[in-house]
Amino acid sequence: LTADLPEHMARTWDFFGWDVRKAPADPFIFYGAGPKK
């Protein structure tokens, strides 16, 4: 289950040009720390 950012955080993300659609569902996998590891 996934929850969208609240309005105040969404404004901050927009301010920095960060796109939540491009964010990894599990950012830890890229650092070798996925759930199975």
PDB file of all heavy atoms in Angstrom:
ATOM      1  N   LEU A   1       0.847  -1.184   0.000  1.00  0.00           N
ATOM      2  CA  LEU A   1       0.000   0.000   0.000  1.00  0.00           C
ATOM      3  C   LEU A   1       0.884   1.235   0.000  1.00  0.00           C
ATOM      4  O   LEU A   1       1.913   1.278   0.692  1.00  0.00           O
ATOM      5  CB  LEU A   1      -0.906  -0.006   1.234  1.00  0.00           C
ATOM      6  CG  LEU A   1      -1.788  -1.259   1.350  1.00  0.00           C
ATOM      7  CD1 LEU A   1      -2.083  -1.585   2.789  1.00  0.00           C
ATOM      8  CD2 LEU A   1      -3.066  -1.074   0.557  1.00  0.00           C
ATOM      9  N   THR A   2       0.497   2.235  -0.775  1.00  0.00           N
ATOM     10  CA  THR A   2       1.305   3.439  -0.951  1.00  0.00           C
ATOM     11  C   THR A   2       0.444   4.682  -0.749  1.00  0.00           C
ATOM     12  O   THR A   2      -0.699   4.725  -1.221  1.00  0.00           O
ATOM     13  CB  THR A   2       1.934   3.470  -2.353  1.00  0.00           C
ATOM     14  OG1 THR A   2       2.712   2.282  -2.548  1.00  0.00           O
ATOM     15  CG2 THR A   2       2.846   4.679  -2.520  1.00  0.00           C
ATOM     16  N   ALA A   3       0.998   5.679  -0.082  1.00  0.00           N
ATOM     17  CA  ALA A   3       0.272   6.921   0.204  1.00  0.00           C
ATOM     18  C   ALA A   3       0.962   8.108  -0.446  1.00  0.00           C
ATOM     19  O   ALA A   3       2.188   8.266  -0.341  1.00  0.00           O
ATOM     20  CB  ALA A   3       0.178   7.145   1.720  1.00  0.00           C
ATOM     21  N   ASP A   4       0.179   8.959  -1.124  1.00  0.00           N
ATOM     22  CA  ASP A   4       0.710  10.171  -1.737  1.00  0.00           C
ATOM     23  C   ASP A   4       1.226  11.128  -0.670  1.00  0.00           C
ATOM     24  O   ASP A   4       0.768  11.121   0.480  1.00  0.00           O
ATOM     25  CB  ASP A   4      -0.374  10.875  -2.555  1.00  0.00           C
ATOM     26  CG  ASP A   4      -0.774  10.100  -3.796  1.00  0.00           C
ATOM     27  OD1 ASP A   4       0.023   9.252  -4.250  1.00  0.00           O
ATOM     28  OD2 ASP A   4      -1.893  10.333  -4.308  1.00  0.00           O
ATOM     29  N   LEU A   5       2.156  11.985  -1.061  1.00  0.00           N
ATOM     30  CA  LEU A   5       2.687  12.996  -0.148  1.00  0.00           C
ATOM     31  C   LEU A   5       1.585  13.953   0.301  1.00  0.00           C
ATOM     32  O   LEU A   5       0.685  14.290  -0.480  1.00  0.00           O
ATOM     33  CB  LEU A   5       3.784  13.809  -0.828  1.00  0.00           C
ATOM     34  CG  LEU A   5       5.140  13.134  -1.046  1.00  0.00           C
ATOM     35  CD1 LEU A   5       6.034  14.048  -1.868  1.00  0.00           C
ATOM     36  CD2 LEU A   5       5.799  12.789   0.275  1.00  0.00           C
ATOM     37  N   PRO A   6       1.659  14.442   1.538  1.00  0.00           N
ATOM     38  CA  PRO A   6       0.724  15.482   1.965  1.00  0.00           C
ATOM     39  C   PRO A   6       1.020  16.775   1.218  1.00  0.00           C
ATOM     40  O   PRO A   6       2.109  16.941   0.635  1.00  0.00           O
ATOM     41  CB  PRO A   6       1.000  15.619   3.464  1.00  0.00           C
ATOM     42  CG  PRO A   6       2.432  15.224   3.604  1.00  0.00           C
ATOM     43  CD  PRO A   6       2.639  14.115   2.592  1.00  0.00           C
ATOM     44  N   GLU A   7       0.089  17.696   1.256  1.00  0.00           N
ATOM     45  CA  GLU A   7       0.202  18.917   0.462  1.00  0.00           C
ATOM     46  C   GLU A   7       1.481  19.693   0.758  1.00  0.00           C
ATOM     47  O   GLU A   7       2.156  20.172  -0.160  1.00  0.00           O
ATOM     48  CB  GLU A   7      -1.020  19.808   0.699  1.00  0.00           C
ATOM     49  CG  GLU A   7      -1.024  21.072  -0.139  1.00  0.00           C
ATOM     50  CD  GLU A   7      -2.255  21.937   0.105  1.00  0.00           C
ATOM     51  OE1 GLU A   7      -3.133  21.492   0.882  1.00  0.00           O
ATOM     52  OE2 GLU A   7      -2.330  23.033  -0.467  1.00  0.00           O
ATOM     53  N   HIS A   8       1.845  19.835   2.050  1.00  0.00           N
ATOM     54  CA  HIS A   8       3.016  20.662   2.364  1.00  0.00           C
ATOM     55  C   HIS A   8       4.307  20.020   1.858  1.00  0.00           C
ATOM     56  O   HIS A   8       5.218  20.726   1.411  1.00  0.00           O
ATOM     57  CB  HIS A   8       3.096  20.943   3.871  1.00  0.00           C
ATOM     58  CG  HIS A   8       3.492  19.776   4.709  1.00  0.00           C
ATOM     59  ND1 HIS A   8       2.601  18.780   5.058  1.00  0.00           N
ATOM     60  CD2 HIS A   8       4.689  19.426   5.278  1.00  0.00           C
ATOM     61  CE1 HIS A   8       3.218  17.889   5.820  1.00  0.00           C
ATOM     62  NE2 HIS A   8       4.482  18.248   5.958  1.00  0.00           N
ATOM     63  N   MET A   9       4.394  18.695   1.873  1.00  0.00           N
ATOM     64  CA  MET A   9       5.576  18.041   1.339  1.00  0.00           C
ATOM     65  C   MET A   9       5.570  18.049  -0.189  1.00  0.00           C
ATOM     66  O   MET A   9       6.624  18.196  -0.820  1.00  0.00           O
ATOM     67  CB  MET A   9       5.686  16.618   1.880  1.00  0.00           C
ATOM     68  CG  MET A   9       6.047  16.550   3.361  1.00  0.00           C
ATOM     69  SD  MET A   9       6.222  14.852   4.016  1.00  0.00           S
ATOM     70  CE  MET A   9       7.690  14.279   3.158  1.00  0.00           C
ATOM     71  N   ALA A  10       4.397  17.905  -0.787  1.00  0.00           N
ATOM     72  CA  ALA A  10       4.310  17.961  -2.251  1.00  0.00           C
ATOM     73  C   ALA A  10       4.788  19.317  -2.768  1.00  0.00           C
ATOM     74  O   ALA A  10       5.473  19.393  -3.801  1.00  0.00           O
ATOM     75  CB  ALA A  10       2.879  17.697  -2.697  1.00  0.00           C
ATOM     76  N   ARG A  11       4.452  20.396  -2.049  1.00  0.00           N
ATOM     77  CA  ARG A  11       4.917  21.736  -2.445  1.00  0.00           C
ATOM     78  C   ARG A  11       6.441  21.817  -2.364  1.00  0.00           C
ATOM     79  O   ARG A  11       7.091  22.416  -3.227  1.00  0.00           O
ATOM     80  CB  ARG A  11       4.281  22.809  -1.572  1.00  0.00           C
ATOM     81  CG  ARG A  11       2.793  23.023  -1.819  1.00  0.00           C
ATOM     82  CD  ARG A  11       2.340  24.370  -1.268  1.00  0.00           C
ATOM     83  NE  ARG A  11       2.652  24.517   0.149  1.00  0.00           N
ATOM     84  CZ  ARG A  11       1.833  24.190   1.135  1.00  0.00           C
ATOM     85  NH1 ARG A  11       0.636  23.673   0.858  1.00  0.00           N
ATOM     86  NH2 ARG A  11       2.185  24.363   2.396  1.00  0.00           N
ATOM     87  N   THR A  12       7.015  21.239  -1.321  1.00  0.00           N
ATOM     88  CA  THR A  12       8.470  21.248  -1.183  1.00  0.00           C
ATOM     89  C   THR A  12       9.125  20.464  -2.309  1.00  0.00           C
ATOM     90  O   THR A  12      10.116  20.901  -2.903  1.00  0.00           O
ATOM     91  CB  THR A  12       8.874  20.652   0.182  1.00  0.00           C
ATOM     92  OG1 THR A  12       8.327  21.460   1.227  1.00  0.00           O
ATOM     93  CG2 THR A  12      10.390  20.591   0.329  1.00  0.00           C
ATOM     94  N   TRP A  13       8.571  19.291  -2.616  1.00  0.00           N
ATOM     95  CA  TRP A  13       9.119  18.473  -3.711  1.00  0.00           C
ATOM     96  C   TRP A  13       9.045  19.235  -5.036  1.00  0.00           C
ATOM     97  O   TRP A  13       9.980  19.202  -5.826  1.00  0.00           O
ATOM     98  CB  TRP A  13       8.358  17.152  -3.791  1.00  0.00           C
ATOM     99  CG  TRP A  13       9.000  15.998  -3.068  1.00  0.00           C
ATOM    100  CD1 TRP A  13       9.308  14.784  -3.607  1.00  0.00           C
ATOM    101  CD2 TRP A  13       9.403  15.920  -1.689  1.00  0.00           C
ATOM    102  NE1 TRP A  13       9.871  13.951  -2.649  1.00  0.00           N
ATOM    103  CE2 TRP A  13       9.943  14.626  -1.474  1.00  0.00           C
ATOM    104  CE3 TRP A  13       9.356  16.819  -0.625  1.00  0.00           C
ATOM    105  CZ2 TRP A  13      10.428  14.216  -0.230  1.00  0.00           C
ATOM    106  CZ3 TRP A  13       9.849  16.418   0.619  1.00  0.00           C
ATOM    107  CH2 TRP A  13      10.371  15.143   0.801  1.00  0.00           C
ATOM    108  N   ASP A  14       7.926  19.937  -5.276  1.00  0.00           N
ATOM    109  CA  ASP A  14       7.790  20.738  -6.488  1.00  0.00           C
ATOM    110  C   ASP A  14       8.823  21.861  -6.521  1.00  0.00           C
ATOM    111  O   ASP A  14       9.378  22.183  -7.580  1.00  0.00           O
ATOM    112  CB  ASP A  14       6.378  21.328  -6.578  1.00  0.00           C
ATOM    113  CG  ASP A  14       5.333  20.290  -6.917  1.00  0.00           C
ATOM    114  OD1 ASP A  14       5.703  19.198  -7.401  1.00  0.00           O
ATOM    115  OD2 ASP A  14       4.131  20.564  -6.698  1.00  0.00           O
ATOM    116  N   PHE A  15       9.090  22.459  -5.372  1.00  0.00           N
ATOM    117  CA  PHE A  15      10.056  23.556  -5.264  1.00  0.00           C
ATOM    118  C   PHE A  15      11.435  23.106  -5.739  1.00  0.00           C
ATOM    119  O   PHE A  15      12.152  23.842  -6.422  1.00  0.00           O
ATOM    120  CB  PHE A  15      10.119  24.059  -3.819  1.00  0.00           C
ATOM    121  CG  PHE A  15      11.103  25.163  -3.584  1.00  0.00           C
ATOM    122  CD1 PHE A  15      10.794  26.479  -3.891  1.00  0.00           C
ATOM    123  CD2 PHE A  15      12.353  24.880  -3.047  1.00  0.00           C
ATOM    124  CE1 PHE A  15      11.712  27.502  -3.676  1.00  0.00           C
ATOM    125  CE2 PHE A  15      13.275  25.892  -2.823  1.00  0.00           C
ATOM    126  CZ  PHE A  15      12.957  27.210  -3.138  1.00  0.00           C
ATOM    127  N   PHE A  16      11.808  21.872  -5.386  1.00  0.00           N
ATOM    128  CA  PHE A  16      13.124  21.360  -5.773  1.00  0.00           C
ATOM    129  C   PHE A  16      13.099  20.615  -7.097  1.00  0.00           C
ATOM    130  O   PHE A  16      14.147  20.149  -7.568  1.00  0.00           O
ATOM    131  CB  PHE A  16      13.671  20.441  -4.679  1.00  0.00           C
ATOM    132  CG  PHE A  16      14.063  21.176  -3.417  1.00  0.00           C
ATOM    133  CD1 PHE A  16      13.374  20.976  -2.243  1.00  0.00           C
ATOM    134  CD2 PHE A  16      15.115  22.081  -3.431  1.00  0.00           C
ATOM    135  CE1 PHE A  16      13.719  21.655  -1.096  1.00  0.00           C
ATOM    136  CE2 PHE A  16      15.476  22.773  -2.282  1.00  0.00           C
ATOM    137  CZ  PHE A  16      14.767  22.567  -1.103  1.00  0.00           C
ATOM    138  N   GLY A  17      11.917  20.466  -7.697  1.00  0.00           N
ATOM    139  CA  GLY A  17      11.822  19.771  -8.971  1.00  0.00           C
ATOM    140  C   GLY A  17      11.975  18.269  -8.859  1.00  0.00           C
ATOM    141  O   GLY A  17      12.372  17.602  -9.830  1.00  0.00           O
ATOM    142  N   TRP A  18      11.654  17.722  -7.705  1.00  0.00           N
ATOM    143  CA  TRP A  18      11.752  16.276  -7.497  1.00  0.00           C
ATOM    144  C   TRP A  18      10.471  15.597  -7.973  1.00  0.00           C
ATOM    145  O   TRP A  18       9.369  16.001  -7.609  1.00  0.00           O
ATOM    146  CB  TRP A  18      11.979  15.957  -6.025  1.00  0.00           C
ATOM    147  CG  TRP A  18      13.322  16.414  -5.527  1.00  0.00           C
ATOM    148  CD1 TRP A  18      14.439  16.660  -6.261  1.00  0.00           C
ATOM    149  CD2 TRP A  18      13.673  16.673  -4.157  1.00  0.00           C
ATOM    150  NE1 TRP A  18      15.467  17.051  -5.445  1.00  0.00           N
ATOM    151  CE2 TRP A  18      15.029  17.070  -4.144  1.00  0.00           C
ATOM    152  CE3 TRP A  18      12.990  16.610  -2.955  1.00  0.00           C
ATOM    153  CZ2 TRP A  18      15.705  17.391  -2.976  1.00  0.00           C
ATOM    154  CZ3 TRP A  18      13.651  16.920  -1.788  1.00  0.00           C
ATOM    155  CH2 TRP A  18      15.001  17.313  -1.794  1.00  0.00           C
ATOM    156  N   ASP A  19      10.609  14.543  -8.753  1.00  0.00           N
ATOM    157  CA  ASP A  19       9.468  13.835  -9.338  1.00  0.00           C
ATOM    158  C   ASP A  19       9.260  12.512  -8.607  1.00  0.00           C
ATOM    159  O   ASP A  19      10.079  11.594  -8.715  1.00  0.00           O
ATOM    160  CB  ASP A  19       9.732  13.580 -10.826  1.00  0.00           C
ATOM    161  CG  ASP A  19       8.506  13.042 -11.558  1.00  0.00           C
ATOM    162  OD1 ASP A  19       7.536  12.623 -10.893  1.00  0.00           O
ATOM    163  OD2 ASP A  19       8.527  13.037 -12.807  1.00  0.00           O
ATOM    164  N   VAL A  20       8.160  12.404  -7.859  1.00  0.00           N
ATOM    165  CA  VAL A  20       7.909  11.180  -7.086  1.00  0.00           C
ATOM    166  C   VAL A  20       7.700   9.980  -7.996  1.00  0.00           C
ATOM    167  O   VAL A  20       7.918   8.835  -7.584  1.00  0.00           O
ATOM    168  CB  VAL A  20       6.693  11.359  -6.142  1.00  0.00           C
ATOM    169  CG1 VAL A  20       6.942  12.477  -5.140  1.00  0.00           C
ATOM    170  CG2 VAL A  20       5.422  11.631  -6.934  1.00  0.00           C
ATOM    171  N   ARG A  21       7.289  10.227  -9.243  1.00  0.00           N
ATOM    172  CA  ARG A  21       7.049   9.119 -10.169  1.00  0.00           C
ATOM    173  C   ARG A  21       8.336   8.408 -10.549  1.00  0.00           C
ATOM    174  O   ARG A  21       8.311   7.251 -10.984  1.00  0.00           O
ATOM    175  CB  ARG A  21       6.329   9.628 -11.424  1.00  0.00           C
ATOM    176  CG  ARG A  21       4.937  10.187 -11.164  1.00  0.00           C
ATOM    177  CD  ARG A  21       4.390  10.883 -12.394  1.00  0.00           C
ATOM    178  NE  ARG A  21       5.225  12.010 -12.785  1.00  0.00           N
ATOM    179  CZ  ARG A  21       4.982  12.799 -13.830  1.00  0.00           C
ATOM    180  NH1 ARG A  21       3.933  12.543 -14.615  1.00  0.00           N
ATOM    181  NH2 ARG A  21       5.782  13.812 -14.120  1.00  0.00           N
ATOM    182  N   LYS A  22       9.454   9.081 -10.410  1.00  0.00           N
ATOM    183  CA  LYS A  22      10.743   8.491 -10.767  1.00  0.00           C
ATOM    184  C   LYS A  22      11.463   7.884  -9.570  1.00  0.00           C
ATOM    185  O   LYS A  22      12.545   7.308  -9.716  1.00  0.00           O
ATOM    186  CB  LYS A  22      11.631   9.553 -11.418  1.00  0.00           C
ATOM    187  CG  LYS A  22      11.074  10.087 -12.735  1.00  0.00           C
ATOM    188  CD  LYS A  22      11.992  11.144 -13.336  1.00  0.00           C
ATOM    189  CE  LYS A  22      11.430  11.678 -14.645  1.00  0.00           C
ATOM    190  NZ  LYS A  22      12.301  12.733 -15.242  1.00  0.00           N
ATOM    191  N   ALA A  23      10.857   8.008  -8.421  1.00  0.00           N
ATOM    192  CA  ALA A  23      11.496   7.486  -7.213  1.00  0.00           C
ATOM    193  C   ALA A  23      11.344   5.967  -7.149  1.00  0.00           C
ATOM    194  O   ALA A  23      10.298   5.424  -7.501  1.00  0.00           O
ATOM    195  CB  ALA A  23      10.871   8.123  -5.974  1.00  0.00           C
ATOM    196  N   PRO A  24      12.371   5.253  -6.709  1.00  0.00           N
ATOM    197  CA  PRO A  24      12.259   3.794  -6.591  1.00  0.00           C
ATOM    198  C   PRO A  24      11.273   3.423  -5.479  1.00  0.00           C
ATOM    199  O   PRO A  24      11.218   4.092  -4.439  1.00  0.00           O
ATOM    200  CB  PRO A  24      13.682   3.359  -6.230  1.00  0.00           C
ATOM    201  CG  PRO A  24      14.279   4.565  -5.568  1.00  0.00           C
ATOM    202  CD  PRO A  24      13.686   5.754  -6.271  1.00  0.00           C
ATOM    203  N   ALA A  25      10.519   2.376  -5.717  1.00  0.00           N
ATOM    204  CA  ALA A  25       9.592   1.920  -4.681  1.00  0.00           C
ATOM    205  C   ALA A  25      10.354   1.485  -3.442  1.00  0.00           C
ATOM    206  O   ALA A  25       9.895   1.694  -2.311  1.00  0.00           O
ATOM    207  CB  ALA A  25       8.737   0.762  -5.213  1.00  0.00           C
ATOM    208  N   ASP A  26      11.516   0.895  -3.638  1.00  0.00           N
ATOM    209  CA  ASP A  26      12.374   0.492  -2.522  1.00  0.00           C
ATOM    210  C   ASP A  26      13.774   1.042  -2.768  1.00  0.00           C
ATOM    211  O   ASP A  26      14.579   0.433  -3.476  1.00  0.00           O
ATOM    212  CB  ASP A  26      12.405  -1.032  -2.396  1.00  0.00           C
ATOM    213  CG  ASP A  26      13.186  -1.499  -1.171  1.00  0.00           C
ATOM    214  OD1 ASP A  26      13.890  -0.680  -0.564  1.00  0.00           O
ATOM    215  OD2 ASP A  26      13.083  -2.689  -0.831  1.00  0.00           O
ATOM    216  N   PRO A  27      14.096   2.217  -2.218  1.00  0.00           N
ATOM    217  CA  PRO A  27      15.399   2.837  -2.481  1.00  0.00           C
ATOM    218  C   PRO A  27      16.565   2.045  -1.914  1.00  0.00           C
ATOM    219  O   PRO A  27      17.709   2.250  -2.320  1.00  0.00           O
ATOM    220  CB  PRO A  27      15.274   4.206  -1.798  1.00  0.00           C
ATOM    221  CG  PRO A  27      14.246   4.005  -0.726  1.00  0.00           C
ATOM    222  CD  PRO A  27      13.270   3.023  -1.301  1.00  0.00           C
ATOM    223  N   PHE A  28      16.309   1.118  -1.001  1.00  0.00           N
ATOM    224  CA  PHE A  28      17.387   0.382  -0.359  1.00  0.00           C
ATOM    225  C   PHE A  28      17.996  -0.684  -1.270  1.00  0.00           C
ATOM    226  O   PHE A  28      19.128  -1.105  -1.058  1.00  0.00           O
ATOM    227  CB  PHE A  28      16.868  -0.264   0.936  1.00  0.00           C
ATOM    228  CG  PHE A  28      16.314   0.745   1.901  1.00  0.00           C
ATOM    229  CD1 PHE A  28      14.971   1.068   1.886  1.00  0.00           C
ATOM    230  CD2 PHE A  28      17.138   1.384   2.808  1.00  0.00           C
ATOM    231  CE1 PHE A  28      14.448   2.010   2.760  1.00  0.00           C
ATOM    232  CE2 PHE A  28      16.636   2.337   3.679  1.00  0.00           C
ATOM    233  CZ  PHE A  28      15.291   2.649   3.654  1.00  0.00           C
ATOM    234  N   ILE A  29      17.235  -1.108  -2.278  1.00  0.00           N
ATOM    235  CA  ILE A  29      17.746  -2.124  -3.203  1.00  0.00           C
ATOM    236  C   ILE A  29      19.010  -1.642  -3.905  1.00  0.00           C
ATOM    237  O   ILE A  29      19.952  -2.405  -4.134  1.00  0.00           O
ATOM    238  CB  ILE A  29      16.656  -2.501  -4.237  1.00  0.00           C
ATOM    239  CG1 ILE A  29      15.536  -3.286  -3.543  1.00  0.00           C
ATOM    240  CG2 ILE A  29      17.245  -3.326  -5.371  1.00  0.00           C
ATOM    241  CD1 ILE A  29      14.378  -3.643  -4.455  1.00  0.00           C
ATOM    242  N   PHE A  30      19.058  -0.341  -4.216  1.00  0.00           N
ATOM    243  CA  PHE A  30      20.202   0.205  -4.932  1.00  0.00           C
ATOM    244  C   PHE A  30      21.472   0.206  -4.088  1.00  0.00           C
ATOM    245  O   PHE A  30      22.566   0.345  -4.585  1.00  0.00           O
ATOM    246  CB  PHE A  30      19.904   1.623  -5.413  1.00  0.00           C
ATOM    247  CG  PHE A  30      18.823   1.683  -6.454  1.00  0.00           C
ATOM    248  CD1 PHE A  30      17.528   2.012  -6.113  1.00  0.00           C
ATOM    249  CD2 PHE A  30      19.090   1.369  -7.770  1.00  0.00           C
ATOM    250  CE1 PHE A  30      16.522   2.056  -7.066  1.00  0.00           C
ATOM    251  CE2 PHE A  30      18.096   1.403  -8.737  1.00  0.00           C
ATOM    252  CZ  PHE A  30      16.806   1.748  -8.370  1.00  0.00           C
ATOM    253  N   TYR A  31      21.293   0.056  -2.780  1.00  0.00           N
ATOM    254  CA  TYR A  31      22.453   0.042  -1.876  1.00  0.00           C
ATOM    255  C   TYR A  31      22.688  -1.350  -1.304  1.00  0.00           C
ATOM    256  O   TYR A  31      23.361  -1.511  -0.289  1.00  0.00           O
ATOM    257  CB  TYR A  31      22.233   1.041  -0.740  1.00  0.00           C
ATOM    258  CG  TYR A  31      22.104   2.470  -1.218  1.00  0.00           C
ATOM    259  CD1 TYR A  31      20.851   3.051  -1.403  1.00  0.00           C
ATOM    260  CD2 TYR A  31      23.237   3.232  -1.494  1.00  0.00           C
ATOM    261  CE1 TYR A  31      20.730   4.363  -1.849  1.00  0.00           C
ATOM    262  CE2 TYR A  31      23.128   4.546  -1.940  1.00  0.00           C
ATOM    263  CZ  TYR A  31      21.859   5.100  -2.111  1.00  0.00           C
ATOM    264  OH  TYR A  31      21.748   6.397  -2.545  1.00  0.00           O
ATOM    265  N   GLY A  32      22.085  -2.372  -1.937  1.00  0.00           N
ATOM    266  CA  GLY A  32      22.295  -3.736  -1.486  1.00  0.00           C
ATOM    267  C   GLY A  32      21.604  -4.071  -0.194  1.00  0.00           C
ATOM    268  O   GLY A  32      22.052  -4.936   0.555  1.00  0.00           O
ATOM    269  N   ALA A  33      20.478  -3.379   0.087  1.00  0.00           N
ATOM    270  CA  ALA A  33      19.767  -3.616   1.350  1.00  0.00           C
ATOM    271  C   ALA A  33      18.286  -3.830   1.107  1.00  0.00           C
ATOM    272  O   ALA A  33      17.449  -3.311   1.816  1.00  0.00           O
ATOM    273  CB  ALA A  33      19.977  -2.440   2.308  1.00  0.00           C
ATOM    274  N   GLY A  34      17.973  -4.584   0.042  1.00  0.00           N
ATOM    275  CA  GLY A  34      16.577  -4.908  -0.208  1.00  0.00           C
ATOM    276  C   GLY A  34      16.027  -5.804   0.878  1.00  0.00           C
ATOM    277  O   GLY A  34      16.760  -6.337   1.708  1.00  0.00           O
ATOM    278  N   PRO A  35      14.724  -6.026   0.907  1.00  0.00           N
ATOM    279  CA  PRO A  35      14.091  -6.800   1.969  1.00  0.00           C
ATOM    280  C   PRO A  35      14.704  -8.177   2.194  1.00  0.00           C
ATOM    281  O   PRO A  35      14.827  -8.624   3.321  1.00  0.00           O
ATOM    282  CB  PRO A  35      12.635  -6.915   1.498  1.00  0.00           C
ATOM    283  CG  PRO A  35      12.434  -5.726   0.617  1.00  0.00           C
ATOM    284  CD  PRO A  35      13.750  -5.511  -0.055  1.00  0.00           C
ATOM    285  N   LYS A  36      15.112  -8.887   1.126  1.00  0.00           N
ATOM    286  CA  LYS A  36      15.625 -10.242   1.296  1.00  0.00           C
ATOM    287  C   LYS A  36      17.054 -10.233   1.837  1.00  0.00           C
ATOM    288  O   LYS A  36      17.512 -11.224   2.385  1.00  0.00           O
ATOM    289  CB  LYS A  36      15.581 -10.987  -0.042  1.00  0.00           C
ATOM    290  CG  LYS A  36      14.160 -11.255  -0.542  1.00  0.00           C
ATOM    291  CD  LYS A  36      14.166 -12.047  -1.820  1.00  0.00           C
ATOM    292  CE  LYS A  36      12.741 -12.305  -2.308  1.00  0.00           C
ATOM    293  NZ  LYS A  36      12.716 -13.074  -3.564  1.00  0.00           N
ATOM    294  N   LYS A  37      17.768  -9.107   1.661  1.00  0.00           N
ATOM    295  CA  LYS A  37      19.152  -9.056   2.135  1.00  0.00           C
ATOM    296  C   LYS A  37      19.255  -8.429   3.513  1.00  0.00           C
ATOM    297  O   LYS A  37      20.309  -8.471   4.136  1.00  0.00           O
ATOM    298  CB  LYS A  37      20.010  -8.241   1.159  1.00  0.00           C
ATOM    299  CG  LYS A  37      20.076  -8.840  -0.242  1.00  0.00           C
ATOM    300  CD  LYS A  37      20.960  -7.985  -1.119  1.00  0.00           C
ATOM    301  CE  LYS A  37      21.035  -8.564  -2.542  1.00  0.00           C
ATOM    302  NZ  LYS A  37      21.896  -7.768  -3.408  1.00  0.00           N
TER     303      LYS A  37
END
